[in-house]
N, C-alpha and C. Protein backbone atom coordinates (compact mmCIF):
# COMPACT_ATOMS: atom_id res chain seq x y z
N MET A 1 15.85 -10.57 -16.49
CA MET A 1 15.49 -9.30 -17.01
C MET A 1 14.25 -9.39 -17.88
N LEU A 2 13.63 -8.26 -17.96
CA LEU A 2 12.35 -8.20 -18.77
C LEU A 2 12.75 -7.90 -20.19
N ASP A 3 12.07 -8.58 -21.12
CA ASP A 3 12.26 -8.19 -22.55
C ASP A 3 11.07 -7.32 -22.94
N ASP A 4 11.12 -6.94 -24.21
CA ASP A 4 10.08 -6.01 -24.70
C ASP A 4 8.68 -6.53 -24.57
N LEU A 5 8.45 -7.82 -24.79
CA LEU A 5 7.14 -8.42 -24.67
C LEU A 5 6.70 -8.40 -23.19
N ASP A 6 7.57 -8.75 -22.29
CA ASP A 6 7.24 -8.66 -20.86
C ASP A 6 6.81 -7.26 -20.44
N ARG A 7 7.59 -6.23 -20.89
CA ARG A 7 7.20 -4.87 -20.55
C ARG A 7 5.92 -4.42 -21.16
N ARG A 8 5.60 -4.92 -22.46
CA ARG A 8 4.31 -4.58 -23.06
C ARG A 8 3.21 -5.23 -22.25
N ILE A 9 3.43 -6.49 -21.85
CA ILE A 9 2.36 -7.19 -21.07
C ILE A 9 2.09 -6.35 -19.79
N LEU A 10 3.12 -5.99 -19.02
CA LEU A 10 2.94 -5.29 -17.79
C LEU A 10 2.26 -4.00 -17.99
N ARG A 11 2.67 -3.26 -19.06
CA ARG A 11 2.04 -1.94 -19.34
C ARG A 11 0.53 -2.12 -19.62
N HIS A 12 0.18 -3.09 -20.44
CA HIS A 12 -1.23 -3.32 -20.66
C HIS A 12 -2.00 -3.83 -19.47
N MET A 13 -1.41 -4.66 -18.68
CA MET A 13 -2.06 -5.18 -17.47
C MET A 13 -2.23 -4.06 -16.47
N GLN A 14 -1.28 -3.12 -16.30
CA GLN A 14 -1.46 -2.03 -15.45
C GLN A 14 -2.55 -1.09 -15.91
N ALA A 15 -2.63 -0.87 -17.24
CA ALA A 15 -3.68 0.04 -17.84
C ALA A 15 -5.06 -0.49 -17.66
N ASP A 16 -5.24 -1.80 -17.81
CA ASP A 16 -6.54 -2.46 -17.76
C ASP A 16 -6.40 -3.84 -17.20
N PRO A 17 -6.38 -3.98 -15.89
CA PRO A 17 -6.08 -5.21 -15.22
C PRO A 17 -7.22 -6.26 -15.39
N GLN A 18 -8.45 -5.78 -15.79
CA GLN A 18 -9.58 -6.69 -15.92
C GLN A 18 -9.71 -7.30 -17.28
N GLN A 19 -8.90 -6.91 -18.30
CA GLN A 19 -9.05 -7.46 -19.55
C GLN A 19 -8.76 -8.98 -19.59
N SER A 20 -9.42 -9.57 -20.45
CA SER A 20 -9.27 -11.10 -20.58
C SER A 20 -7.94 -11.45 -21.30
N ILE A 21 -7.46 -12.63 -21.06
CA ILE A 21 -6.23 -13.09 -21.68
C ILE A 21 -6.37 -13.07 -23.20
N PRO A 22 -7.48 -13.56 -23.76
CA PRO A 22 -7.56 -13.59 -25.21
C PRO A 22 -7.55 -12.13 -25.82
N ASP A 23 -8.24 -11.22 -25.11
CA ASP A 23 -8.24 -9.76 -25.58
C ASP A 23 -6.82 -9.18 -25.44
N LEU A 24 -6.08 -9.49 -24.35
CA LEU A 24 -4.74 -9.00 -24.23
C LEU A 24 -3.81 -9.56 -25.30
N ALA A 25 -4.01 -10.89 -25.56
CA ALA A 25 -3.14 -11.54 -26.57
C ALA A 25 -3.36 -10.86 -27.91
N ASP A 26 -4.63 -10.53 -28.23
CA ASP A 26 -4.93 -9.85 -29.51
C ASP A 26 -4.26 -8.54 -29.60
N ARG A 27 -4.39 -7.79 -28.51
CA ARG A 27 -3.75 -6.42 -28.43
C ARG A 27 -2.24 -6.53 -28.61
N LEU A 28 -1.61 -7.57 -28.08
CA LEU A 28 -0.21 -7.68 -28.15
C LEU A 28 0.30 -8.46 -29.36
N THR A 29 -0.69 -8.95 -30.18
CA THR A 29 -0.41 -9.80 -31.31
C THR A 29 0.45 -10.99 -31.05
N VAL A 30 0.02 -11.77 -29.97
CA VAL A 30 0.74 -13.00 -29.63
C VAL A 30 -0.45 -14.04 -29.38
N THR A 31 -0.07 -15.29 -29.40
CA THR A 31 -1.05 -16.29 -29.12
C THR A 31 -1.45 -16.31 -27.60
N THR A 32 -2.62 -16.78 -27.38
CA THR A 32 -3.06 -16.89 -25.97
C THR A 32 -2.15 -17.77 -25.14
N SER A 33 -1.74 -18.93 -25.73
CA SER A 33 -0.82 -19.84 -25.00
C SER A 33 0.52 -19.13 -24.69
N ARG A 34 1.03 -18.36 -25.66
CA ARG A 34 2.31 -17.72 -25.43
C ARG A 34 2.20 -16.65 -24.26
N LEU A 35 1.10 -15.91 -24.36
CA LEU A 35 0.82 -14.93 -23.32
C LEU A 35 0.68 -15.57 -21.96
N THR A 36 -0.07 -16.64 -21.90
CA THR A 36 -0.30 -17.30 -20.65
C THR A 36 1.00 -17.78 -20.04
N ARG A 37 1.92 -18.34 -20.87
CA ARG A 37 3.24 -18.78 -20.39
C ARG A 37 4.01 -17.61 -19.85
N ARG A 38 4.04 -16.45 -20.64
CA ARG A 38 4.76 -15.33 -20.11
C ARG A 38 4.23 -14.79 -18.81
N ILE A 39 2.87 -14.72 -18.68
CA ILE A 39 2.24 -14.22 -17.44
C ILE A 39 2.67 -15.19 -16.26
N GLU A 40 2.64 -16.45 -16.50
CA GLU A 40 3.03 -17.45 -15.53
C GLU A 40 4.48 -17.20 -15.15
N LYS A 41 5.35 -17.01 -16.12
CA LYS A 41 6.72 -16.79 -15.81
C LYS A 41 6.96 -15.51 -14.93
N LEU A 42 6.15 -14.40 -15.28
CA LEU A 42 6.23 -13.22 -14.49
C LEU A 42 5.74 -13.42 -13.02
N ARG A 43 4.79 -14.32 -12.87
CA ARG A 43 4.30 -14.69 -11.52
C ARG A 43 5.34 -15.47 -10.80
N GLU A 44 5.93 -16.45 -11.46
CA GLU A 44 6.93 -17.33 -10.80
C GLU A 44 8.18 -16.60 -10.36
N THR A 45 8.55 -15.54 -11.13
CA THR A 45 9.72 -14.79 -10.77
C THR A 45 9.43 -13.66 -9.77
N GLY A 46 8.12 -13.50 -9.46
CA GLY A 46 7.74 -12.49 -8.48
C GLY A 46 7.52 -11.08 -9.02
N VAL A 47 7.69 -10.95 -10.27
CA VAL A 47 7.40 -9.60 -10.90
C VAL A 47 5.92 -9.24 -10.85
N LEU A 48 5.11 -10.18 -11.11
CA LEU A 48 3.67 -10.02 -11.15
C LEU A 48 3.13 -10.74 -9.94
N ARG A 49 2.63 -9.98 -8.94
CA ARG A 49 2.24 -10.62 -7.66
C ARG A 49 0.75 -10.82 -7.60
N GLY A 50 -0.01 -10.51 -8.62
CA GLY A 50 -1.42 -10.75 -8.58
C GLY A 50 -2.25 -9.57 -8.90
N GLN A 51 -3.56 -9.76 -8.84
CA GLN A 51 -4.49 -8.67 -9.17
C GLN A 51 -5.31 -8.38 -7.85
N ARG A 52 -5.79 -7.13 -7.75
CA ARG A 52 -6.55 -6.87 -6.50
C ARG A 52 -7.58 -5.86 -6.87
N ALA A 53 -8.54 -5.75 -6.01
CA ALA A 53 -9.61 -4.76 -6.09
C ALA A 53 -9.08 -3.48 -5.35
N VAL A 54 -9.23 -2.34 -5.98
CA VAL A 54 -8.87 -1.10 -5.25
C VAL A 54 -10.18 -0.46 -4.82
N ILE A 55 -10.29 -0.33 -3.50
CA ILE A 55 -11.52 0.22 -2.93
C ILE A 55 -11.27 1.67 -2.58
N ASP A 56 -12.27 2.50 -2.97
CA ASP A 56 -12.19 3.93 -2.65
C ASP A 56 -12.76 4.07 -1.24
N TRP A 57 -11.94 4.22 -0.19
CA TRP A 57 -12.41 4.30 1.16
C TRP A 57 -13.15 5.55 1.40
N GLN A 58 -12.99 6.61 0.59
CA GLN A 58 -13.82 7.78 0.79
C GLN A 58 -15.28 7.51 0.38
N ALA A 59 -15.44 6.64 -0.58
CA ALA A 59 -16.78 6.29 -1.01
C ALA A 59 -17.50 5.50 0.03
N LEU A 60 -16.73 4.88 0.98
CA LEU A 60 -17.32 4.22 2.12
C LEU A 60 -17.52 5.06 3.34
N GLY A 61 -17.32 6.39 3.20
CA GLY A 61 -17.58 7.32 4.28
C GLY A 61 -16.40 7.70 5.13
N TYR A 62 -15.17 7.32 4.73
CA TYR A 62 -13.97 7.82 5.39
C TYR A 62 -13.47 9.10 4.80
N ALA A 63 -13.61 10.15 5.49
CA ALA A 63 -13.33 11.48 4.96
C ALA A 63 -12.00 12.07 5.46
N VAL A 64 -11.34 11.43 6.47
CA VAL A 64 -10.13 12.01 7.08
C VAL A 64 -9.02 10.99 6.86
N GLU A 65 -7.83 11.50 6.49
CA GLU A 65 -6.65 10.77 6.41
C GLU A 65 -5.48 11.48 7.12
N VAL A 66 -4.83 10.80 7.98
CA VAL A 66 -3.75 11.42 8.77
C VAL A 66 -2.50 10.52 8.64
N SER A 67 -1.35 11.20 8.43
CA SER A 67 -0.11 10.54 8.43
C SER A 67 0.58 10.82 9.79
N LEU A 68 0.86 9.75 10.47
CA LEU A 68 1.55 9.87 11.74
C LEU A 68 3.04 9.43 11.66
N ARG A 69 3.85 10.38 12.04
CA ARG A 69 5.26 10.11 12.08
C ARG A 69 5.64 9.73 13.54
N VAL A 70 6.14 8.52 13.69
CA VAL A 70 6.41 8.05 15.05
C VAL A 70 7.90 7.80 15.27
N THR A 71 8.36 8.29 16.35
CA THR A 71 9.72 7.95 16.83
C THR A 71 9.58 7.00 18.00
N LEU A 72 10.32 5.97 17.92
CA LEU A 72 10.22 4.88 18.94
C LEU A 72 11.36 4.96 19.99
N ASP A 73 11.05 4.44 21.14
CA ASP A 73 12.00 4.39 22.17
C ASP A 73 12.96 3.20 21.88
N LYS A 74 14.05 3.53 21.25
CA LYS A 74 14.95 2.46 20.75
C LYS A 74 15.87 1.91 21.87
N THR A 75 15.67 2.38 23.06
CA THR A 75 16.36 1.72 24.18
C THR A 75 15.75 0.35 24.46
N GLN A 76 14.49 0.15 23.95
CA GLN A 76 13.88 -1.08 24.14
C GLN A 76 14.17 -2.02 22.93
N SER A 77 14.69 -3.14 23.18
CA SER A 77 15.19 -4.06 22.07
C SER A 77 14.10 -4.54 21.21
N ARG A 78 12.81 -4.61 21.61
CA ARG A 78 11.77 -5.10 20.77
C ARG A 78 10.86 -3.91 20.31
N ALA A 79 11.31 -2.74 20.41
CA ALA A 79 10.49 -1.55 20.11
C ALA A 79 9.84 -1.66 18.74
N PHE A 80 10.51 -1.95 17.72
CA PHE A 80 10.01 -2.03 16.35
C PHE A 80 9.04 -3.18 16.21
N ASP A 81 9.41 -4.32 16.66
CA ASP A 81 8.58 -5.57 16.58
C ASP A 81 7.27 -5.41 17.33
N ASP A 82 7.37 -4.93 18.49
CA ASP A 82 6.13 -4.81 19.36
C ASP A 82 5.21 -3.69 18.82
N PHE A 83 5.82 -2.54 18.38
CA PHE A 83 4.99 -1.47 17.84
C PHE A 83 4.29 -1.94 16.57
N ILE A 84 5.01 -2.48 15.62
CA ILE A 84 4.44 -2.90 14.30
C ILE A 84 3.36 -3.94 14.52
N ALA A 85 3.61 -4.93 15.36
CA ALA A 85 2.62 -5.97 15.63
C ALA A 85 1.30 -5.38 16.16
N ALA A 86 1.41 -4.44 17.08
CA ALA A 86 0.24 -3.87 17.60
C ALA A 86 -0.46 -2.88 16.65
N ALA A 87 0.33 -2.13 15.79
CA ALA A 87 -0.24 -1.27 14.84
C ALA A 87 -1.02 -2.03 13.71
N ARG A 88 -0.55 -3.20 13.41
CA ARG A 88 -1.20 -3.98 12.40
C ARG A 88 -2.62 -4.40 12.82
N ASP A 89 -2.88 -4.41 14.11
CA ASP A 89 -4.17 -4.83 14.62
C ASP A 89 -5.23 -3.72 14.54
N ILE A 90 -4.79 -2.51 14.20
CA ILE A 90 -5.77 -1.35 14.05
C ILE A 90 -6.35 -1.34 12.66
N PRO A 91 -7.62 -1.58 12.48
CA PRO A 91 -8.18 -1.68 11.12
C PRO A 91 -8.04 -0.35 10.34
N GLU A 92 -8.05 0.74 11.04
CA GLU A 92 -7.99 2.03 10.29
C GLU A 92 -6.56 2.44 9.86
N VAL A 93 -5.58 1.66 10.23
CA VAL A 93 -4.23 1.88 9.81
C VAL A 93 -4.11 1.12 8.44
N LEU A 94 -3.94 1.93 7.38
CA LEU A 94 -3.93 1.39 6.04
C LEU A 94 -2.48 0.99 5.63
N GLU A 95 -1.51 1.76 6.18
CA GLU A 95 -0.13 1.58 5.76
C GLU A 95 0.82 1.76 6.91
N ILE A 96 1.83 0.91 6.98
CA ILE A 96 2.90 1.06 7.94
C ILE A 96 4.24 1.04 7.20
N GLN A 97 5.03 2.11 7.38
CA GLN A 97 6.32 2.15 6.70
C GLN A 97 7.36 2.37 7.77
N THR A 98 8.55 1.85 7.62
CA THR A 98 9.63 2.05 8.57
C THR A 98 10.73 2.83 7.83
N PHE A 99 11.52 3.65 8.57
CA PHE A 99 12.54 4.49 8.00
C PHE A 99 13.81 4.40 8.81
N LEU A 100 14.91 4.87 8.23
CA LEU A 100 16.10 5.16 8.94
C LEU A 100 16.16 6.63 9.15
N GLY A 101 16.54 7.09 10.25
CA GLY A 101 16.57 8.58 10.54
C GLY A 101 15.88 8.88 11.77
N GLN A 102 15.46 10.14 11.92
CA GLN A 102 14.81 10.57 13.12
C GLN A 102 13.42 9.94 13.29
N VAL A 103 12.69 9.84 12.22
CA VAL A 103 11.36 9.22 12.24
C VAL A 103 11.58 7.72 12.01
N ASP A 104 11.00 6.92 12.85
CA ASP A 104 11.13 5.44 12.68
C ASP A 104 10.07 4.80 11.88
N VAL A 105 8.79 5.25 12.14
CA VAL A 105 7.65 4.60 11.50
C VAL A 105 6.72 5.69 11.02
N ARG A 106 6.07 5.42 9.93
CA ARG A 106 4.97 6.24 9.50
C ARG A 106 3.66 5.39 9.35
N LEU A 107 2.63 5.85 9.91
CA LEU A 107 1.32 5.25 9.89
C LEU A 107 0.36 6.05 9.06
N SER A 108 -0.34 5.43 8.13
CA SER A 108 -1.35 6.19 7.44
C SER A 108 -2.70 5.62 7.99
N VAL A 109 -3.47 6.62 8.47
CA VAL A 109 -4.69 6.28 9.30
C VAL A 109 -5.88 6.95 8.64
N ILE A 110 -7.03 6.26 8.52
CA ILE A 110 -8.20 6.89 8.01
C ILE A 110 -9.27 6.84 9.05
N ALA A 111 -10.24 7.80 8.93
CA ALA A 111 -11.32 7.90 9.89
C ALA A 111 -12.51 8.51 9.16
N ARG A 112 -13.69 8.28 9.73
CA ARG A 112 -14.96 8.83 9.14
C ARG A 112 -15.00 10.33 9.23
N ASP A 113 -14.53 10.85 10.36
CA ASP A 113 -14.58 12.28 10.62
C ASP A 113 -13.61 12.57 11.76
N MET A 114 -13.49 13.81 12.14
CA MET A 114 -12.51 14.13 13.18
C MET A 114 -12.85 13.58 14.54
N PRO A 115 -14.12 13.52 15.02
CA PRO A 115 -14.38 12.82 16.27
C PRO A 115 -13.98 11.31 16.21
N HIS A 116 -14.19 10.64 15.06
CA HIS A 116 -13.75 9.23 14.91
C HIS A 116 -12.26 9.17 14.95
N TYR A 117 -11.56 10.08 14.26
CA TYR A 117 -10.07 10.12 14.33
C TYR A 117 -9.60 10.31 15.79
N GLN A 118 -10.19 11.29 16.46
CA GLN A 118 -9.81 11.45 17.89
C GLN A 118 -9.93 10.17 18.74
N GLU A 119 -11.04 9.50 18.52
CA GLU A 119 -11.28 8.20 19.16
C GLU A 119 -10.22 7.23 18.83
N ILE A 120 -9.91 7.09 17.57
CA ILE A 120 -8.82 6.11 17.14
C ILE A 120 -7.51 6.50 17.76
N TYR A 121 -7.22 7.81 17.64
CA TYR A 121 -5.91 8.32 18.16
C TYR A 121 -5.73 8.09 19.67
N ARG A 122 -6.81 8.42 20.45
CA ARG A 122 -6.61 8.32 21.89
C ARG A 122 -6.72 6.90 22.40
N ALA A 123 -7.60 6.10 21.83
CA ALA A 123 -7.84 4.75 22.34
C ALA A 123 -6.91 3.74 21.78
N ARG A 124 -6.44 3.94 20.54
CA ARG A 124 -5.66 2.90 19.87
C ARG A 124 -4.21 3.30 19.58
N ILE A 125 -4.05 4.45 18.96
CA ILE A 125 -2.68 4.90 18.63
C ILE A 125 -1.84 5.17 19.83
N LEU A 126 -2.34 5.95 20.74
CA LEU A 126 -1.56 6.40 21.97
C LEU A 126 -1.23 5.24 22.84
N THR A 127 -1.94 4.12 22.67
CA THR A 127 -1.68 2.98 23.51
C THR A 127 -0.65 2.00 22.89
N LEU A 128 -0.22 2.39 21.68
CA LEU A 128 0.80 1.50 21.04
C LEU A 128 2.09 1.49 21.82
N PRO A 129 2.83 0.37 21.90
CA PRO A 129 3.99 0.37 22.73
C PRO A 129 5.21 1.12 22.19
N HIS A 130 6.04 1.60 23.11
CA HIS A 130 7.35 2.20 22.82
C HIS A 130 7.39 3.44 22.07
N ILE A 131 6.27 4.28 22.08
CA ILE A 131 6.30 5.53 21.39
C ILE A 131 7.08 6.53 22.24
N ALA A 132 8.05 7.15 21.58
CA ALA A 132 8.80 8.24 22.25
C ALA A 132 8.28 9.59 21.84
N ASP A 133 7.87 9.73 20.52
CA ASP A 133 7.34 10.99 20.00
C ASP A 133 6.41 10.65 18.82
N ILE A 134 5.45 11.52 18.62
CA ILE A 134 4.49 11.26 17.53
C ILE A 134 4.12 12.64 16.97
N GLU A 135 4.05 12.71 15.59
CA GLU A 135 3.70 13.93 14.92
C GLU A 135 2.62 13.57 13.91
N ALA A 136 1.49 14.31 13.98
CA ALA A 136 0.37 14.09 13.06
C ALA A 136 0.38 15.12 11.94
N LEU A 137 0.24 14.60 10.71
CA LEU A 137 0.15 15.47 9.45
C LEU A 137 -1.27 15.20 8.91
N MET A 138 -2.08 16.21 8.86
CA MET A 138 -3.41 16.02 8.30
C MET A 138 -3.30 16.08 6.79
N HIS A 139 -3.87 15.08 6.21
CA HIS A 139 -3.90 15.00 4.75
C HIS A 139 -4.89 15.99 4.20
N VAL A 140 -4.43 16.85 3.24
CA VAL A 140 -5.27 17.82 2.62
C VAL A 140 -5.72 17.45 1.19
N ALA A 141 -4.71 17.00 0.40
CA ALA A 141 -5.08 16.67 -1.05
C ALA A 141 -4.02 15.59 -1.46
N ARG A 142 -4.50 14.68 -2.33
CA ARG A 142 -3.67 13.71 -2.98
C ARG A 142 -3.42 14.22 -4.39
N ILE A 143 -2.18 14.64 -4.65
CA ILE A 143 -1.79 15.22 -5.94
C ILE A 143 -1.54 14.18 -6.93
N LYS A 144 -0.75 13.17 -6.52
CA LYS A 144 -0.53 12.05 -7.40
C LYS A 144 -0.52 10.76 -6.67
N SER A 145 -1.31 9.81 -7.18
CA SER A 145 -1.34 8.51 -6.57
C SER A 145 -1.39 7.49 -7.72
N ASP A 146 -0.27 7.03 -8.13
CA ASP A 146 -0.13 6.19 -9.28
C ASP A 146 0.72 4.97 -8.93
N GLU A 147 0.13 3.83 -9.07
CA GLU A 147 0.87 2.56 -8.79
C GLU A 147 1.43 1.97 -10.10
N ASN A 148 1.17 2.60 -11.28
CA ASN A 148 1.78 2.10 -12.50
C ASN A 148 3.23 2.46 -12.54
N LEU A 149 4.04 1.42 -12.83
CA LEU A 149 5.47 1.53 -12.95
C LEU A 149 5.82 1.90 -14.41
N PRO A 150 6.94 2.60 -14.53
CA PRO A 150 7.42 2.97 -15.92
C PRO A 150 8.13 1.78 -16.54
N VAL A 151 7.42 0.77 -16.99
CA VAL A 151 8.04 -0.36 -17.67
C VAL A 151 7.97 -0.26 -19.18
């Protein structure tokens, strides 16, 4: 379980992931060596999985985002495995989620514009294996996108 110091470390790292260890130690009023040990423990236990660059794909010219809800032909024993393996190979697919229920898989797809999306959809998405049904939801606005956890 996390103690108060672990939660404070995670809150500060979420708020400013680029801050240096000495600066973070000062903010938390702990020694650099103690902070380093705690961060290493959080990594070893899998709580802290690393740091990453968050790239704004819209700034790179991608203006369209579509969420595709896919129902697979589950009479095929490898439907999930084959579909997911092929979907991973499409660079414009940013996210793949699986579900229990009527919808089996959701793909988050980006494109530069609608003609580019049509090209991706026709040439790459519709050729994915074992699709029984597909529904496209055009993204209009992102109201909340927060990866910070309430620790």
